[in-house]
């Protein structure tokens, strides 16, 4: 759904993206970041951060650090906010680098 919507939007606003790079990498990548902030379970956190003693956590409330669970799994939204912020920072960085490259190309003719 994310890919189809992003690809359709690019066609609708008449932006030439024949390989659907934005739909695949931009939109779906951003959704992957945001989805982590929504659906990260205690098991997911334990697999990523085993040294933090999350290993035996089976549900929110077991261990300190519950705020890093997904919003739908007992997290307080902190992880969702972090994921959203990182996605926006990545988008801003990509836009600024592309703008710089295209601006320099235009200057050189």
N, C-alpha and C. Protein backbone atom coordinates (compact mmCIF):
# COMPACT_ATOMS: atom_id res chain seq x y z
N UNK A 1 0.82 -1.19 0.00
CA UNK A 1 0.00 0.00 0.00
C UNK A 1 0.88 1.26 0.00
N UNK A 2 1.96 1.24 0.77
CA UNK A 2 2.84 2.41 0.83
C UNK A 2 3.51 2.62 -0.53
N UNK A 3 4.03 1.55 -1.09
CA UNK A 3 4.69 1.64 -2.39
C UNK A 3 3.71 2.12 -3.46
N UNK A 4 2.54 1.49 -3.52
CA UNK A 4 1.55 1.84 -4.54
C UNK A 4 1.12 3.29 -4.42
N UNK A 5 0.87 3.74 -3.20
CA UNK A 5 0.46 5.12 -2.98
C UNK A 5 1.54 6.11 -3.38
N UNK A 6 2.79 5.83 -3.00
CA UNK A 6 3.89 6.74 -3.33
C UNK A 6 4.15 6.75 -4.84
N UNK A 7 4.09 5.60 -5.46
CA UNK A 7 4.30 5.53 -6.91
C UNK A 7 3.21 6.27 -7.65
N UNK A 8 1.97 6.09 -7.23
CA UNK A 8 0.85 6.81 -7.83
C UNK A 8 0.95 8.31 -7.64
N UNK A 9 1.41 8.71 -6.46
CA UNK A 9 1.58 10.15 -6.19
C UNK A 9 2.63 10.76 -7.10
N UNK A 10 3.70 10.05 -7.35
CA UNK A 10 4.76 10.58 -8.22
C UNK A 10 4.22 10.76 -9.64
N UNK A 11 3.38 9.85 -10.10
CA UNK A 11 2.78 9.98 -11.43
C UNK A 11 1.82 11.16 -11.45
N UNK A 12 1.02 11.27 -10.39
CA UNK A 12 0.00 12.34 -10.33
C UNK A 12 0.62 13.73 -10.33
N UNK A 13 1.73 13.92 -9.60
CA UNK A 13 2.37 15.23 -9.54
C UNK A 13 3.40 15.41 -10.67
N UNK A 14 3.45 14.43 -11.57
CA UNK A 14 4.29 14.48 -12.78
C UNK A 14 5.78 14.63 -12.48
N UNK A 15 6.24 13.83 -11.54
CA UNK A 15 7.68 13.77 -11.25
C UNK A 15 8.22 12.51 -11.91
N UNK A 16 9.24 12.67 -12.72
CA UNK A 16 9.81 11.57 -13.47
C UNK A 16 10.67 10.70 -12.55
N UNK A 17 10.20 9.51 -12.26
CA UNK A 17 10.93 8.55 -11.44
C UNK A 17 10.71 7.17 -12.04
N UNK A 18 11.36 6.88 -13.19
CA UNK A 18 11.06 5.64 -13.92
C UNK A 18 11.39 4.36 -13.16
N UNK A 19 12.29 4.42 -12.21
CA UNK A 19 12.63 3.23 -11.44
C UNK A 19 11.88 3.14 -10.12
N UNK A 20 11.02 4.12 -9.84
CA UNK A 20 10.27 4.18 -8.58
C UNK A 20 11.20 4.17 -7.36
N UNK A 21 12.33 4.83 -7.50
CA UNK A 21 13.30 4.87 -6.40
C UNK A 21 12.71 5.54 -5.17
N UNK A 22 11.96 6.63 -5.36
CA UNK A 22 11.36 7.29 -4.20
C UNK A 22 10.35 6.38 -3.52
N UNK A 23 9.51 5.73 -4.31
CA UNK A 23 8.48 4.86 -3.73
C UNK A 23 9.11 3.72 -2.94
N UNK A 24 10.15 3.12 -3.48
CA UNK A 24 10.79 1.98 -2.82
C UNK A 24 11.65 2.40 -1.63
N UNK A 25 12.57 3.32 -1.87
CA UNK A 25 13.53 3.67 -0.83
C UNK A 25 13.06 4.78 0.09
N UNK A 26 12.42 5.80 -0.47
CA UNK A 26 11.98 6.93 0.34
C UNK A 26 10.75 6.62 1.16
N UNK A 27 9.65 6.33 0.48
CA UNK A 27 8.38 6.13 1.18
C UNK A 27 8.37 4.84 2.01
N UNK A 28 8.79 3.74 1.41
CA UNK A 28 8.79 2.47 2.15
C UNK A 28 9.84 2.47 3.26
N UNK A 29 10.97 3.11 3.03
CA UNK A 29 12.00 3.22 4.07
C UNK A 29 11.51 4.05 5.24
N UNK A 30 10.83 5.16 4.93
CA UNK A 30 10.28 6.00 6.00
C UNK A 30 9.22 5.23 6.79
N UNK A 31 8.39 4.48 6.08
CA UNK A 31 7.37 3.68 6.77
C UNK A 31 8.03 2.63 7.67
N UNK A 32 9.10 2.02 7.22
CA UNK A 32 9.81 1.05 8.05
C UNK A 32 10.33 1.67 9.34
N UNK A 33 10.84 2.89 9.26
CA UNK A 33 11.29 3.60 10.46
C UNK A 33 10.14 3.85 11.42
N UNK A 34 9.05 4.36 10.88
CA UNK A 34 7.90 4.72 11.71
C UNK A 34 7.25 3.46 12.31
N UNK A 35 7.16 2.39 11.52
CA UNK A 35 6.54 1.15 11.99
C UNK A 35 7.28 0.57 13.19
N UNK A 36 8.57 0.72 13.23
CA UNK A 36 9.35 0.25 14.38
C UNK A 36 8.89 0.94 15.65
N UNK A 37 8.63 2.21 15.57
CA UNK A 37 8.16 2.96 16.73
C UNK A 37 6.76 2.58 17.17
N UNK A 38 6.04 1.91 16.30
CA UNK A 38 4.68 1.49 16.64
C UNK A 38 4.60 0.03 17.10
N UNK A 39 5.35 -0.86 16.46
CA UNK A 39 5.19 -2.29 16.71
C UNK A 39 6.39 -3.01 17.30
N UNK A 40 7.36 -2.32 17.85
CA UNK A 40 8.50 -3.01 18.47
C UNK A 40 8.05 -3.69 19.76
N UNK A 41 8.25 -5.00 19.84
CA UNK A 41 7.85 -5.77 21.02
C UNK A 41 9.04 -5.93 21.97
N UNK A 42 8.77 -6.46 23.14
CA UNK A 42 9.84 -6.72 24.10
C UNK A 42 10.87 -7.68 23.51
N UNK A 43 10.41 -8.67 22.75
CA UNK A 43 11.32 -9.63 22.12
C UNK A 43 12.19 -8.92 21.09
N UNK A 44 11.62 -8.02 20.30
CA UNK A 44 12.41 -7.27 19.32
C UNK A 44 13.50 -6.47 20.01
N UNK A 45 13.15 -5.79 21.09
CA UNK A 45 14.12 -4.96 21.81
C UNK A 45 15.22 -5.85 22.40
N UNK A 46 14.85 -7.02 22.92
CA UNK A 46 15.83 -7.94 23.50
C UNK A 46 16.81 -8.45 22.45
N UNK A 47 16.33 -8.68 21.23
CA UNK A 47 17.21 -9.16 20.17
C UNK A 47 18.20 -8.09 19.72
N UNK A 48 17.79 -6.84 19.76
CA UNK A 48 18.66 -5.75 19.32
C UNK A 48 19.61 -5.31 20.42
N UNK A 49 19.14 -5.32 21.67
CA UNK A 49 19.94 -4.86 22.80
C UNK A 49 20.08 -5.95 23.86
N UNK A 50 20.73 -7.07 23.55
CA UNK A 50 20.81 -8.17 24.52
C UNK A 50 21.63 -7.83 25.76
N UNK A 51 22.58 -6.93 25.66
CA UNK A 51 23.43 -6.58 26.80
C UNK A 51 22.69 -5.75 27.84
N UNK A 52 21.51 -5.27 27.51
CA UNK A 52 20.76 -4.43 28.45
C UNK A 52 19.79 -5.22 29.30
N UNK A 53 19.96 -6.55 29.35
CA UNK A 53 19.13 -7.42 30.19
C UNK A 53 17.65 -7.37 29.84
N UNK A 54 17.33 -7.18 28.58
CA UNK A 54 15.94 -7.26 28.15
C UNK A 54 15.56 -8.70 27.79
N UNK A 55 16.52 -9.60 27.87
CA UNK A 55 16.34 -10.94 27.34
C UNK A 55 15.12 -11.65 27.92
N UNK A 56 14.86 -11.51 29.20
CA UNK A 56 13.74 -12.21 29.81
C UNK A 56 12.45 -11.40 29.81
N UNK A 57 12.47 -10.22 29.22
CA UNK A 57 11.26 -9.40 29.16
C UNK A 57 10.27 -10.03 28.20
N UNK A 58 9.08 -10.31 28.67
CA UNK A 58 8.06 -10.89 27.80
C UNK A 58 6.91 -9.94 27.56
N UNK A 59 6.77 -8.96 28.40
CA UNK A 59 5.73 -7.95 28.19
C UNK A 59 6.14 -6.65 28.87
N UNK A 60 5.55 -5.54 28.46
CA UNK A 60 5.92 -4.25 29.05
C UNK A 60 5.78 -4.27 30.57
N UNK A 61 6.71 -3.65 31.23
CA UNK A 61 6.69 -3.60 32.69
C UNK A 61 7.72 -4.51 33.33
N UNK A 62 8.28 -5.44 32.55
CA UNK A 62 9.24 -6.39 33.10
C UNK A 62 10.58 -5.75 33.41
N UNK A 63 11.04 -4.89 32.54
CA UNK A 63 12.39 -4.36 32.66
C UNK A 63 12.39 -2.85 32.48
N UNK A 64 13.40 -2.18 33.01
CA UNK A 64 13.53 -0.77 32.70
C UNK A 64 13.77 -0.60 31.21
N UNK A 65 13.32 0.50 30.67
CA UNK A 65 13.49 0.75 29.25
C UNK A 65 12.23 0.47 28.46
N UNK A 66 11.10 0.27 29.16
CA UNK A 66 9.85 -0.01 28.48
C UNK A 66 9.43 1.10 27.52
N UNK A 67 9.94 2.31 27.75
CA UNK A 67 9.58 3.41 26.86
C UNK A 67 10.07 3.19 25.44
N UNK A 68 10.98 2.21 25.27
CA UNK A 68 11.50 1.93 23.94
C UNK A 68 10.70 0.87 23.19
N UNK A 69 9.66 0.35 23.81
CA UNK A 69 8.77 -0.56 23.10
C UNK A 69 7.90 0.25 22.16
N UNK A 70 7.32 -0.42 21.18
CA UNK A 70 6.43 0.26 20.25
C UNK A 70 5.21 0.81 20.98
N UNK A 71 4.62 1.85 20.43
CA UNK A 71 3.47 2.50 21.05
C UNK A 71 2.31 1.53 21.24
N UNK A 72 2.18 0.53 20.36
CA UNK A 72 1.10 -0.45 20.47
C UNK A 72 1.44 -1.59 21.43
N UNK A 73 2.67 -1.62 21.95
CA UNK A 73 3.10 -2.69 22.85
C UNK A 73 3.57 -2.15 24.19
N UNK A 74 2.95 -1.11 24.66
CA UNK A 74 3.23 -0.60 25.99
C UNK A 74 4.24 0.52 26.06
N UNK A 75 4.81 0.91 24.95
CA UNK A 75 5.75 2.02 24.96
C UNK A 75 5.01 3.32 25.19
N UNK A 76 5.73 4.32 25.66
CA UNK A 76 5.08 5.60 25.96
C UNK A 76 5.13 6.56 24.79
N UNK A 77 5.51 6.08 23.62
CA UNK A 77 5.58 6.92 22.43
C UNK A 77 6.96 7.52 22.20
N UNK A 78 7.87 7.30 23.16
CA UNK A 78 9.21 7.86 23.03
C UNK A 78 9.92 7.28 21.81
N UNK A 79 9.85 5.97 21.63
CA UNK A 79 10.51 5.34 20.49
C UNK A 79 9.87 5.80 19.18
N UNK A 80 8.56 5.95 19.16
CA UNK A 80 7.89 6.45 17.96
C UNK A 80 8.40 7.85 17.62
N UNK A 81 8.53 8.70 18.60
CA UNK A 81 9.04 10.05 18.38
C UNK A 81 10.46 10.05 17.86
N UNK A 82 11.28 9.18 18.43
CA UNK A 82 12.67 9.07 17.98
C UNK A 82 12.72 8.61 16.52
N UNK A 83 11.94 7.59 16.20
CA UNK A 83 11.93 7.07 14.84
C UNK A 83 11.45 8.13 13.84
N UNK A 84 10.42 8.87 14.22
CA UNK A 84 9.89 9.92 13.35
C UNK A 84 10.93 11.03 13.14
N UNK A 85 11.58 11.44 14.22
CA UNK A 85 12.61 12.47 14.12
C UNK A 85 13.76 12.02 13.22
N UNK A 86 14.22 10.79 13.38
CA UNK A 86 15.32 10.29 12.56
C UNK A 86 14.91 10.25 11.09
N UNK A 87 13.68 9.85 10.82
CA UNK A 87 13.20 9.84 9.44
C UNK A 87 13.20 11.23 8.82
N UNK A 88 12.77 12.21 9.59
CA UNK A 88 12.76 13.59 9.10
C UNK A 88 14.17 14.13 8.90
N UNK A 89 15.09 13.77 9.79
CA UNK A 89 16.49 14.20 9.64
C UNK A 89 17.10 13.58 8.39
N UNK A 90 16.84 12.30 8.15
CA UNK A 90 17.35 11.64 6.95
C UNK A 90 16.79 12.31 5.69
N UNK A 91 15.49 12.61 5.70
CA UNK A 91 14.86 13.27 4.54
C UNK A 91 15.48 14.65 4.31
N UNK A 92 15.70 15.40 5.38
CA UNK A 92 16.29 16.73 5.25
C UNK A 92 17.72 16.64 4.72
N UNK A 93 18.48 15.67 5.19
CA UNK A 93 19.85 15.49 4.72
C UNK A 93 19.87 15.11 3.24
N UNK A 94 19.02 14.17 2.85
CA UNK A 94 18.97 13.74 1.45
C UNK A 94 18.55 14.90 0.55
N UNK A 95 17.56 15.68 0.97
CA UNK A 95 17.11 16.82 0.18
C UNK A 95 18.24 17.86 0.05
N UNK A 96 18.90 18.16 1.14
CA UNK A 96 19.95 19.19 1.09
C UNK A 96 21.13 18.74 0.24
N UNK A 97 21.51 17.48 0.30
CA UNK A 97 22.61 16.99 -0.52
C UNK A 97 22.23 16.99 -2.00
N UNK A 98 21.01 16.58 -2.31
CA UNK A 98 20.56 16.59 -3.70
C UNK A 98 20.49 18.03 -4.22
N UNK A 99 19.97 18.93 -3.39
CA UNK A 99 19.89 20.33 -3.78
C UNK A 99 21.28 20.89 -4.07
N UNK A 100 22.23 20.60 -3.19
CA UNK A 100 23.60 21.07 -3.39
C UNK A 100 24.18 20.54 -4.70
N UNK A 101 24.01 19.26 -4.96
CA UNK A 101 24.54 18.66 -6.18
C UNK A 101 23.92 19.29 -7.41
N UNK A 102 22.58 19.42 -7.42
CA UNK A 102 21.91 20.00 -8.59
C UNK A 102 22.24 21.47 -8.76
N UNK A 103 22.41 22.18 -7.66
CA UNK A 103 22.78 23.59 -7.74
C UNK A 103 24.16 23.75 -8.36
N UNK A 104 25.11 22.93 -7.92
CA UNK A 104 26.47 22.99 -8.48
C UNK A 104 26.48 22.58 -9.94
N UNK A 105 25.67 21.61 -10.31
CA UNK A 105 25.58 21.22 -11.71
C UNK A 105 25.02 22.35 -12.57
N UNK A 106 24.04 23.06 -12.03
CA UNK A 106 23.45 24.18 -12.77
C UNK A 106 24.48 25.32 -12.93
N UNK A 107 25.27 25.55 -11.89
CA UNK A 107 26.30 26.61 -11.96
C UNK A 107 27.34 26.31 -13.04
N UNK A 108 27.68 25.04 -13.19
CA UNK A 108 28.72 24.69 -14.15
C UNK A 108 28.18 24.56 -15.57
N UNK A 109 26.88 24.67 -15.73
CA UNK A 109 26.29 24.67 -17.07
C UNK A 109 25.93 23.29 -17.49
